[in-house]
């Protein structure tokens, strides 16, 4: 398989796997800590308003619903996960995907918290790094933990993808 195709397939598989683990963590966290699960419909609403020239909302919950916002938000959530997996592969190469190690995955996973801190939270009315939320420190901590879980997910999904690739190669 050409390396570009392999990189794209691995980025998709790793990104989907890592994002799914983050979602499982979100469900566990919501039940365990009695916290609301993330509402990706609000992310979809924010994204749907971007082509209309509206980047900032105060807050996003006050903005009228947009048709298909939940599907838009969930799709974007997984595409963003794939994009960060692609960043990981671009930075560390296919050799990392073939023999994954935890540190690069955590660097990208924890580093990905910059997206909500600097783009999504300000755009959705929560302020830079959630500073306009009722408990900014706690919101930041939860974001960091969620993105660290995503980083662990990048690593575990890479291990699983690598094992699957090796199995397929043996079967061929």
N, C-alpha and C. Protein backbone atom coordinates (compact mmCIF):
# COMPACT_ATOMS: atom_id res chain seq x y z
N UNK A 1 0.85 -1.17 0.00
CA UNK A 1 0.00 0.00 0.00
C UNK A 1 0.90 1.24 0.00
N UNK A 2 0.61 2.20 -0.86
CA UNK A 2 1.42 3.43 -0.85
C UNK A 2 1.36 4.12 0.51
N UNK A 3 2.45 4.76 0.89
CA UNK A 3 2.55 5.36 2.23
C UNK A 3 1.49 6.42 2.48
N UNK A 4 1.14 7.23 1.48
CA UNK A 4 0.11 8.25 1.68
C UNK A 4 -1.23 7.60 2.01
N UNK A 5 -1.58 6.57 1.30
CA UNK A 5 -2.83 5.87 1.56
C UNK A 5 -2.79 5.24 2.95
N UNK A 6 -1.67 4.62 3.29
CA UNK A 6 -1.53 4.02 4.62
C UNK A 6 -1.68 5.09 5.70
N UNK A 7 -1.06 6.24 5.50
CA UNK A 7 -1.14 7.31 6.49
C UNK A 7 -2.59 7.79 6.64
N UNK A 8 -3.30 7.94 5.55
CA UNK A 8 -4.69 8.40 5.62
C UNK A 8 -5.59 7.38 6.31
N UNK A 9 -5.40 6.11 5.97
CA UNK A 9 -6.20 5.05 6.60
C UNK A 9 -5.90 4.98 8.09
N UNK A 10 -4.62 5.02 8.43
CA UNK A 10 -4.25 4.97 9.85
C UNK A 10 -4.75 6.21 10.60
N UNK A 11 -4.63 7.38 9.99
CA UNK A 11 -5.12 8.60 10.66
C UNK A 11 -6.62 8.49 10.93
N UNK A 12 -7.37 7.98 9.96
CA UNK A 12 -8.82 7.83 10.16
C UNK A 12 -9.10 6.83 11.27
N UNK A 13 -8.45 5.68 11.23
CA UNK A 13 -8.70 4.64 12.24
C UNK A 13 -8.27 5.10 13.63
N UNK A 14 -7.10 5.71 13.71
CA UNK A 14 -6.58 6.17 15.01
C UNK A 14 -7.44 7.31 15.54
N UNK A 15 -7.80 8.25 14.68
CA UNK A 15 -8.63 9.38 15.11
C UNK A 15 -10.01 8.94 15.58
N UNK A 16 -10.63 8.03 14.85
CA UNK A 16 -11.95 7.53 15.24
C UNK A 16 -11.85 6.77 16.56
N UNK A 17 -10.84 5.92 16.68
CA UNK A 17 -10.67 5.16 17.92
C UNK A 17 -10.43 6.05 19.12
N UNK A 18 -9.56 7.03 18.97
CA UNK A 18 -9.25 7.94 20.08
C UNK A 18 -10.47 8.78 20.46
N UNK A 19 -11.20 9.24 19.47
CA UNK A 19 -12.40 10.04 19.74
C UNK A 19 -13.46 9.19 20.42
N UNK A 20 -13.60 7.94 19.99
CA UNK A 20 -14.56 7.04 20.63
C UNK A 20 -14.19 6.81 22.09
N UNK A 21 -12.91 6.64 22.38
CA UNK A 21 -12.49 6.46 23.78
C UNK A 21 -12.82 7.71 24.59
N UNK A 22 -12.60 8.86 24.01
CA UNK A 22 -12.92 10.12 24.69
C UNK A 22 -14.42 10.19 24.97
N UNK A 23 -15.24 9.70 24.04
CA UNK A 23 -16.69 9.70 24.24
C UNK A 23 -17.10 8.72 25.33
N UNK A 24 -16.46 7.56 25.36
CA UNK A 24 -16.74 6.60 26.43
C UNK A 24 -16.37 7.22 27.77
N UNK A 25 -15.22 7.87 27.83
CA UNK A 25 -14.81 8.56 29.05
C UNK A 25 -15.85 9.61 29.44
N UNK A 26 -16.38 10.34 28.46
CA UNK A 26 -17.41 11.35 28.74
C UNK A 26 -18.64 10.74 29.37
N UNK A 27 -19.04 9.56 28.91
CA UNK A 27 -20.20 8.88 29.50
C UNK A 27 -19.89 8.41 30.93
N UNK A 28 -18.71 7.83 31.11
CA UNK A 28 -18.31 7.38 32.45
C UNK A 28 -18.25 8.58 33.39
N UNK A 29 -17.63 9.64 32.92
CA UNK A 29 -17.48 10.85 33.74
C UNK A 29 -18.84 11.43 34.10
N UNK A 30 -19.77 11.45 33.15
CA UNK A 30 -21.08 12.03 33.44
C UNK A 30 -21.83 11.21 34.49
N UNK A 31 -21.70 9.89 34.44
CA UNK A 31 -22.37 9.04 35.43
C UNK A 31 -21.64 9.07 36.77
N UNK A 32 -20.33 8.98 36.72
CA UNK A 32 -19.50 8.91 37.92
C UNK A 32 -19.52 10.22 38.69
N UNK A 33 -19.34 11.33 37.98
CA UNK A 33 -19.27 12.64 38.63
C UNK A 33 -20.58 13.42 38.55
N UNK A 34 -21.59 12.79 37.96
CA UNK A 34 -22.91 13.42 37.78
C UNK A 34 -22.78 14.76 37.04
N UNK A 35 -21.97 14.73 35.99
CA UNK A 35 -21.78 15.92 35.15
C UNK A 35 -22.51 15.71 33.84
N UNK A 36 -22.95 16.78 33.26
CA UNK A 36 -23.58 16.68 31.95
C UNK A 36 -22.55 16.24 30.92
N UNK A 37 -22.97 15.35 30.05
CA UNK A 37 -22.11 14.93 28.94
C UNK A 37 -21.97 16.10 27.97
N UNK A 38 -20.87 16.15 27.21
CA UNK A 38 -20.73 17.23 26.22
C UNK A 38 -21.89 17.22 25.24
N UNK A 39 -22.35 18.39 24.89
CA UNK A 39 -23.45 18.53 23.92
C UNK A 39 -22.86 18.96 22.58
N UNK A 40 -22.63 17.98 21.72
CA UNK A 40 -22.04 18.30 20.42
C UNK A 40 -23.03 18.98 19.48
N UNK A 41 -24.30 18.99 19.86
CA UNK A 41 -25.27 19.79 19.11
C UNK A 41 -24.92 21.27 19.18
N UNK A 42 -24.43 21.71 20.34
CA UNK A 42 -24.02 23.11 20.47
C UNK A 42 -22.80 23.41 19.60
N UNK A 43 -21.90 22.45 19.49
CA UNK A 43 -20.75 22.60 18.59
C UNK A 43 -21.25 22.71 17.15
N UNK A 44 -22.22 21.85 16.81
CA UNK A 44 -22.81 21.91 15.47
C UNK A 44 -23.48 23.24 15.20
N UNK A 45 -24.15 23.78 16.20
CA UNK A 45 -24.80 25.09 16.05
C UNK A 45 -23.75 26.15 15.78
N UNK A 46 -22.66 26.10 16.56
CA UNK A 46 -21.58 27.08 16.38
C UNK A 46 -20.99 26.97 14.97
N UNK A 47 -20.71 25.74 14.54
CA UNK A 47 -20.13 25.53 13.21
C UNK A 47 -21.10 25.98 12.12
N UNK A 48 -22.38 25.68 12.28
CA UNK A 48 -23.38 26.06 11.27
C UNK A 48 -23.50 27.57 11.14
N UNK A 49 -23.20 28.30 12.19
CA UNK A 49 -23.28 29.76 12.14
C UNK A 49 -22.05 30.41 11.51
N UNK A 50 -20.94 29.67 11.43
CA UNK A 50 -19.70 30.24 10.89
C UNK A 50 -19.86 30.74 9.45
N UNK A 51 -20.44 29.96 8.53
CA UNK A 51 -20.58 30.48 7.15
C UNK A 51 -21.50 31.70 7.05
N UNK A 52 -22.30 31.90 8.07
CA UNK A 52 -23.21 33.06 8.11
C UNK A 52 -22.51 34.29 8.70
N UNK A 53 -21.19 34.13 8.99
CA UNK A 53 -20.41 35.25 9.50
C UNK A 53 -20.48 35.45 11.00
N UNK A 54 -21.02 34.48 11.70
CA UNK A 54 -21.12 34.63 13.16
C UNK A 54 -20.16 33.67 13.83
N UNK A 55 -19.10 34.21 14.39
CA UNK A 55 -18.10 33.41 15.09
C UNK A 55 -18.38 33.35 16.58
N UNK A 56 -18.83 34.45 17.15
CA UNK A 56 -18.96 34.55 18.60
C UNK A 56 -20.43 34.59 19.02
N UNK A 57 -20.74 33.85 20.05
CA UNK A 57 -22.09 33.79 20.62
C UNK A 57 -21.97 34.11 22.10
N UNK A 58 -23.04 34.62 22.68
CA UNK A 58 -22.97 35.02 24.08
C UNK A 58 -24.24 34.64 24.83
N UNK A 59 -24.40 33.45 25.25
CA UNK A 59 -23.69 32.20 24.97
C UNK A 59 -24.35 31.45 23.82
N UNK A 60 -23.74 30.37 23.40
CA UNK A 60 -24.25 29.59 22.27
C UNK A 60 -25.64 29.04 22.57
N UNK A 61 -25.94 28.73 23.82
CA UNK A 61 -27.25 28.21 24.18
C UNK A 61 -28.38 29.19 23.91
N UNK A 62 -28.08 30.48 23.84
CA UNK A 62 -29.09 31.50 23.56
C UNK A 62 -29.33 31.67 22.06
N UNK A 63 -28.45 31.13 21.25
CA UNK A 63 -28.60 31.21 19.80
C UNK A 63 -29.66 30.19 19.38
N UNK A 64 -30.57 30.58 18.48
CA UNK A 64 -31.61 29.63 18.05
C UNK A 64 -31.01 28.36 17.45
N UNK A 65 -31.70 27.26 17.68
CA UNK A 65 -31.27 25.97 17.13
C UNK A 65 -31.13 26.05 15.61
N UNK A 66 -30.25 25.19 15.10
CA UNK A 66 -30.01 25.11 13.66
C UNK A 66 -30.38 23.69 13.23
N UNK A 67 -31.03 23.57 12.11
CA UNK A 67 -31.42 22.26 11.61
C UNK A 67 -30.17 21.39 11.40
N UNK A 68 -30.19 20.19 11.96
CA UNK A 68 -29.09 19.25 11.79
C UNK A 68 -27.88 19.52 12.67
N UNK A 69 -28.03 20.37 13.68
CA UNK A 69 -26.87 20.77 14.49
C UNK A 69 -26.22 19.59 15.21
N UNK A 70 -27.02 18.64 15.66
CA UNK A 70 -26.45 17.50 16.37
C UNK A 70 -25.58 16.66 15.43
N UNK A 71 -26.08 16.39 14.23
CA UNK A 71 -25.31 15.62 13.25
C UNK A 71 -24.05 16.38 12.83
N UNK A 72 -24.18 17.69 12.65
CA UNK A 72 -23.02 18.52 12.30
C UNK A 72 -21.98 18.45 13.42
N UNK A 73 -22.42 18.59 14.65
CA UNK A 73 -21.49 18.58 15.79
C UNK A 73 -20.79 17.25 15.97
N UNK A 74 -21.53 16.15 15.89
CA UNK A 74 -20.91 14.83 16.05
C UNK A 74 -19.96 14.52 14.90
N UNK A 75 -20.35 14.89 13.69
CA UNK A 75 -19.47 14.68 12.53
C UNK A 75 -18.18 15.49 12.70
N UNK A 76 -18.32 16.74 13.09
CA UNK A 76 -17.14 17.59 13.30
C UNK A 76 -16.26 17.03 14.40
N UNK A 77 -16.87 16.55 15.47
CA UNK A 77 -16.12 15.98 16.60
C UNK A 77 -15.20 14.86 16.12
N UNK A 78 -15.73 13.95 15.30
CA UNK A 78 -14.92 12.84 14.81
C UNK A 78 -13.93 13.29 13.74
N UNK A 79 -14.31 14.22 12.89
CA UNK A 79 -13.36 14.73 11.89
C UNK A 79 -12.19 15.47 12.55
N UNK A 80 -12.47 16.17 13.63
CA UNK A 80 -11.40 16.85 14.37
C UNK A 80 -10.47 15.82 14.99
N UNK A 81 -11.03 14.74 15.52
CA UNK A 81 -10.21 13.66 16.06
C UNK A 81 -9.30 13.06 15.00
N UNK A 82 -9.84 12.86 13.80
CA UNK A 82 -9.04 12.35 12.68
C UNK A 82 -7.95 13.36 12.32
N UNK A 83 -8.30 14.64 12.32
CA UNK A 83 -7.31 15.67 11.98
C UNK A 83 -6.15 15.67 12.97
N UNK A 84 -6.45 15.53 14.25
CA UNK A 84 -5.36 15.49 15.23
C UNK A 84 -4.53 14.22 15.10
N UNK A 85 -5.16 13.11 14.73
CA UNK A 85 -4.38 11.89 14.46
C UNK A 85 -3.47 12.12 13.26
N UNK A 86 -3.95 12.85 12.26
CA UNK A 86 -3.12 13.17 11.10
C UNK A 86 -1.95 14.07 11.50
N UNK A 87 -2.19 15.00 12.41
CA UNK A 87 -1.11 15.86 12.92
C UNK A 87 -0.05 14.99 13.59
N UNK A 88 -0.49 14.03 14.39
CA UNK A 88 0.43 13.12 15.06
C UNK A 88 1.28 12.36 14.04
N UNK A 89 0.64 11.84 13.01
CA UNK A 89 1.39 11.10 11.99
C UNK A 89 2.28 12.02 11.17
N UNK A 90 1.85 13.24 10.93
CA UNK A 90 2.69 14.18 10.19
C UNK A 90 3.94 14.54 11.00
N UNK A 91 3.78 14.66 12.30
CA UNK A 91 4.91 15.04 13.14
C UNK A 91 5.85 13.87 13.44
N UNK A 92 5.30 12.68 13.68
CA UNK A 92 6.13 11.54 14.09
C UNK A 92 6.24 10.46 13.02
N UNK A 93 5.48 10.57 11.95
CA UNK A 93 5.61 9.67 10.82
C UNK A 93 4.93 8.32 11.00
N UNK A 94 4.91 7.58 9.91
CA UNK A 94 4.32 6.25 9.91
C UNK A 94 5.08 5.29 10.80
N UNK A 95 6.35 5.53 11.01
CA UNK A 95 7.11 4.66 11.91
C UNK A 95 6.49 4.67 13.31
N UNK A 96 6.01 5.85 13.73
CA UNK A 96 5.34 5.90 15.04
C UNK A 96 4.09 5.03 15.02
N UNK A 97 3.30 5.12 13.96
CA UNK A 97 2.06 4.33 13.88
C UNK A 97 2.35 2.83 13.84
N UNK A 98 3.47 2.47 13.25
CA UNK A 98 3.83 1.05 13.17
C UNK A 98 4.39 0.52 14.49
N UNK A 99 4.97 1.42 15.29
CA UNK A 99 5.49 1.07 16.62
C UNK A 99 5.15 2.22 17.57
N UNK A 100 3.88 2.31 17.97
CA UNK A 100 3.44 3.45 18.77
C UNK A 100 4.10 3.52 20.14
N UNK A 101 4.27 4.75 20.61
CA UNK A 101 4.73 5.00 21.97
C UNK A 101 3.79 6.07 22.55
N UNK A 102 3.71 6.09 23.86
CA UNK A 102 2.72 6.93 24.53
C UNK A 102 3.04 8.42 24.46
N UNK A 103 4.29 8.80 24.61
CA UNK A 103 4.64 10.23 24.73
C UNK A 103 4.15 11.08 23.56
N UNK A 104 4.41 10.72 22.29
CA UNK A 104 3.92 11.56 21.20
C UNK A 104 2.39 11.67 21.19
N UNK A 105 1.71 10.57 21.53
CA UNK A 105 0.25 10.60 21.56
C UNK A 105 -0.26 11.55 22.64
N UNK A 106 0.38 11.54 23.81
CA UNK A 106 -0.01 12.45 24.87
C UNK A 106 0.30 13.90 24.52
N UNK A 107 1.43 14.13 23.86
CA UNK A 107 1.78 15.49 23.44
C UNK A 107 0.69 16.06 22.53
N UNK A 108 0.29 15.27 21.55
CA UNK A 108 -0.75 15.74 20.62
C UNK A 108 -2.11 15.80 21.33
N UNK A 109 -2.43 14.79 22.13
CA UNK A 109 -3.71 14.78 22.82
C UNK A 109 -3.87 15.96 23.76
N UNK A 110 -2.90 16.17 24.61
CA UNK A 110 -2.98 17.29 25.55
C UNK A 110 -2.85 18.62 24.80
N UNK A 111 -2.01 18.64 23.78
CA UNK A 111 -1.88 19.86 22.96
C UNK A 111 -3.16 20.23 22.24
N UNK A 112 -4.00 19.23 21.96
CA UNK A 112 -5.25 19.51 21.24
C UNK A 112 -6.23 20.33 22.08
N UNK A 113 -5.96 20.47 23.38
CA UNK A 113 -6.83 21.29 24.23
C UNK A 113 -6.76 22.76 23.82
N UNK A 114 -5.76 23.12 23.05
CA UNK A 114 -5.67 24.49 22.54
C UNK A 114 -6.89 24.84 21.68
N UNK A 115 -7.43 23.87 20.95
CA UNK A 115 -8.58 24.14 20.08
C UNK A 115 -9.79 24.63 20.88
N UNK A 116 -10.22 23.91 21.91
CA UNK A 116 -11.35 24.46 22.66
C UNK A 116 -10.97 25.72 23.46
N UNK A 117 -9.79 25.75 24.05
CA UNK A 117 -9.41 26.91 24.86
C UNK A 117 -9.36 28.20 24.03
N UNK A 118 -8.80 28.10 22.82
CA UNK A 118 -8.54 29.31 22.03
C UNK A 118 -9.58 29.60 20.95
N UNK A 119 -10.34 28.59 20.53
CA UNK A 119 -11.31 28.80 19.45
C UNK A 119 -12.75 28.56 19.89
N UNK A 120 -13.02 27.34 20.30
CA UNK A 120 -14.41 26.95 20.52
C UNK A 120 -15.02 27.63 21.75
N UNK A 121 -14.34 27.60 22.87
CA UNK A 121 -14.91 28.22 24.08
C UNK A 121 -15.12 29.72 23.90
N UNK A 122 -14.14 30.46 23.37
CA UNK A 122 -14.42 31.89 23.13
C UNK A 122 -15.56 32.09 22.13
N UNK A 123 -15.57 31.29 21.08
CA UNK A 123 -16.61 31.44 20.07
C UNK A 123 -18.00 31.09 20.56
N UNK A 124 -18.06 30.18 21.53
CA UNK A 124 -19.36 29.74 22.04
C UNK A 124 -19.80 30.53 23.28
N UNK A 125 -19.02 31.55 23.64
CA UNK A 125 -19.43 32.44 24.72
C UNK A 125 -18.86 32.11 26.08
N UNK A 126 -18.01 31.10 26.18
CA UNK A 126 -17.43 30.72 27.47
C UNK A 126 -16.15 31.49 27.77
N UNK A 127 -15.66 32.25 26.82
CA UNK A 127 -14.44 33.02 27.02
C UNK A 127 -13.19 32.20 26.77
N UNK A 128 -12.09 32.88 26.69
CA UNK A 128 -10.79 32.25 26.49
C UNK A 128 -10.53 31.27 27.63
N UNK A 129 -10.26 30.02 27.28
CA UNK A 129 -9.99 28.97 28.27
C UNK A 129 -11.06 28.93 29.36
N UNK A 130 -12.32 29.06 28.95
CA UNK A 130 -13.48 28.93 29.84
C UNK A 130 -13.51 29.96 30.95
N UNK A 131 -12.90 31.11 30.75
CA UNK A 131 -12.82 32.10 31.84
C UNK A 131 -14.18 32.70 32.22
N UNK A 132 -15.18 32.58 31.36
CA UNK A 132 -16.50 33.15 31.66
C UNK A 132 -17.47 32.10 32.19
N UNK A 133 -16.98 30.92 32.51
CA UNK A 133 -17.83 29.89 33.08
C UNK A 133 -17.90 30.07 34.60
N UNK A 134 -18.88 29.44 35.25
CA UNK A 134 -19.00 29.61 36.70
C UNK A 134 -17.77 29.13 37.48
N UNK A 135 -17.11 28.08 36.99
CA UNK A 135 -15.92 27.54 37.67
C UNK A 135 -14.83 27.30 36.64
N UNK A 136 -14.15 28.37 36.20
CA UNK A 136 -13.17 28.24 35.12
C UNK A 136 -12.06 27.23 35.40
N UNK A 137 -11.54 27.21 36.61
CA UNK A 137 -10.46 26.27 36.94
C UNK A 137 -10.90 24.83 36.76
N UNK A 138 -12.10 24.53 37.22
CA UNK A 138 -12.63 23.17 37.08
C UNK A 138 -12.89 22.84 35.62
N UNK A 139 -13.43 23.79 34.87
CA UNK A 139 -13.68 23.57 33.44
C UNK A 139 -12.36 23.29 32.71
N UNK A 140 -11.32 24.03 33.04
CA UNK A 140 -10.00 23.82 32.42
C UNK A 140 -9.45 22.45 32.78
N UNK A 141 -9.58 22.08 34.05
CA UNK A 141 -9.09 20.77 34.49
C UNK A 141 -9.80 19.65 33.73
N UNK A 142 -11.12 19.75 33.61
CA UNK A 142 -11.87 18.72 32.89
C UNK A 142 -11.46 18.68 31.41
N UNK A 143 -11.24 19.83 30.82
CA UNK A 143 -10.79 19.86 29.42
C UNK A 143 -9.43 19.18 29.28
N UNK A 144 -8.52 19.48 30.20
CA UNK A 144 -7.20 18.85 30.14
C UNK A 144 -7.29 17.34 30.32
N UNK A 145 -8.12 16.90 31.26
CA UNK A 145 -8.28 15.46 31.46
C UNK A 145 -8.89 14.81 30.22
N UNK A 146 -9.92 15.43 29.66
CA UNK A 146 -10.55 14.87 28.46
C UNK A 146 -9.55 14.73 27.32
N UNK A 147 -8.71 15.73 27.16
CA UNK A 147 -7.75 15.69 26.05
C UNK A 147 -6.58 14.76 26.36
N UNK A 148 -6.26 14.57 27.62
CA UNK A 148 -5.27 13.54 27.98
C UNK A 148 -5.84 12.16 27.67
N UNK A 149 -7.12 11.95 27.96
CA UNK A 149 -7.77 10.69 27.60
C UNK A 149 -7.74 10.50 26.08
N UNK A 150 -7.97 11.56 25.34
CA UNK A 150 -7.86 11.50 23.89
C UNK A 150 -6.45 11.08 23.48
N UNK A 151 -5.44 11.62 24.15
CA UNK A 151 -4.05 11.23 23.86
C UNK A 151 -3.81 9.76 24.13
N UNK A 152 -4.30 9.26 25.24
CA UNK A 152 -4.20 7.82 25.53
C UNK A 152 -4.94 7.04 24.45
N UNK A 153 -6.07 7.57 24.03
CA UNK A 153 -6.83 6.94 22.95
C UNK A 153 -6.06 6.89 21.64
N UNK A 154 -5.30 7.95 21.34
CA UNK A 154 -4.46 7.94 20.14
C UNK A 154 -3.48 6.77 20.20
N UNK A 155 -2.86 6.61 21.36
CA UNK A 155 -1.89 5.53 21.55
C UNK A 155 -2.56 4.16 21.43
N UNK A 156 -3.65 3.96 22.16
CA UNK A 156 -4.33 2.66 22.15
C UNK A 156 -4.90 2.33 20.77
N UNK A 157 -5.45 3.33 20.10
CA UNK A 157 -5.99 3.11 18.75
C UNK A 157 -4.86 2.79 17.77
N UNK A 158 -3.71 3.41 17.96
CA UNK A 158 -2.56 3.10 17.10
C UNK A 158 -2.10 1.67 17.33
N UNK A 159 -2.07 1.23 18.59
CA UNK A 159 -1.72 -0.16 18.89
C UNK A 159 -2.70 -1.11 18.20
N UNK A 160 -3.99 -0.81 18.31
CA UNK A 160 -5.02 -1.66 17.71
C UNK A 160 -4.92 -1.64 16.19
N UNK A 161 -4.70 -0.48 15.63
CA UNK A 161 -4.57 -0.36 14.17
C UNK A 161 -3.35 -1.10 13.69
N UNK A 162 -2.26 -1.00 14.43
CA UNK A 162 -1.03 -1.69 14.07
C UNK A 162 -1.24 -3.20 14.14
N UNK A 163 -1.90 -3.67 15.18
CA UNK A 163 -2.17 -5.11 15.30
C UNK A 163 -3.06 -5.59 14.16
N UNK A 164 -4.06 -4.80 13.80
CA UNK A 164 -4.94 -5.15 12.67
C UNK A 164 -4.18 -5.18 11.36
N UNK A 165 -3.31 -4.20 11.16
CA UNK A 165 -2.52 -4.15 9.92
C UNK A 165 -1.60 -5.38 9.82
N UNK A 166 -1.00 -5.75 10.94
CA UNK A 166 -0.12 -6.93 10.92
C UNK A 166 -0.92 -8.20 10.65
N UNK A 167 -2.11 -8.30 11.22
CA UNK A 167 -2.96 -9.46 10.99
C UNK A 167 -3.38 -9.54 9.52
N UNK A 168 -3.77 -8.42 8.96
CA UNK A 168 -4.16 -8.38 7.54
C UNK A 168 -2.99 -8.75 6.64
N UNK A 169 -1.79 -8.28 7.00
CA UNK A 169 -0.60 -8.60 6.19
C UNK A 169 -0.32 -10.10 6.22
N UNK A 170 -0.52 -10.72 7.36
CA UNK A 170 -0.31 -12.18 7.46
C UNK A 170 -1.34 -12.96 6.67
N UNK A 171 -2.56 -12.42 6.59
CA UNK A 171 -3.62 -13.09 5.88
C UNK A 171 -3.48 -12.96 4.36
N UNK A 172 -2.76 -11.92 3.93
CA UNK A 172 -2.63 -11.67 2.49
C UNK A 172 -1.67 -12.62 1.82
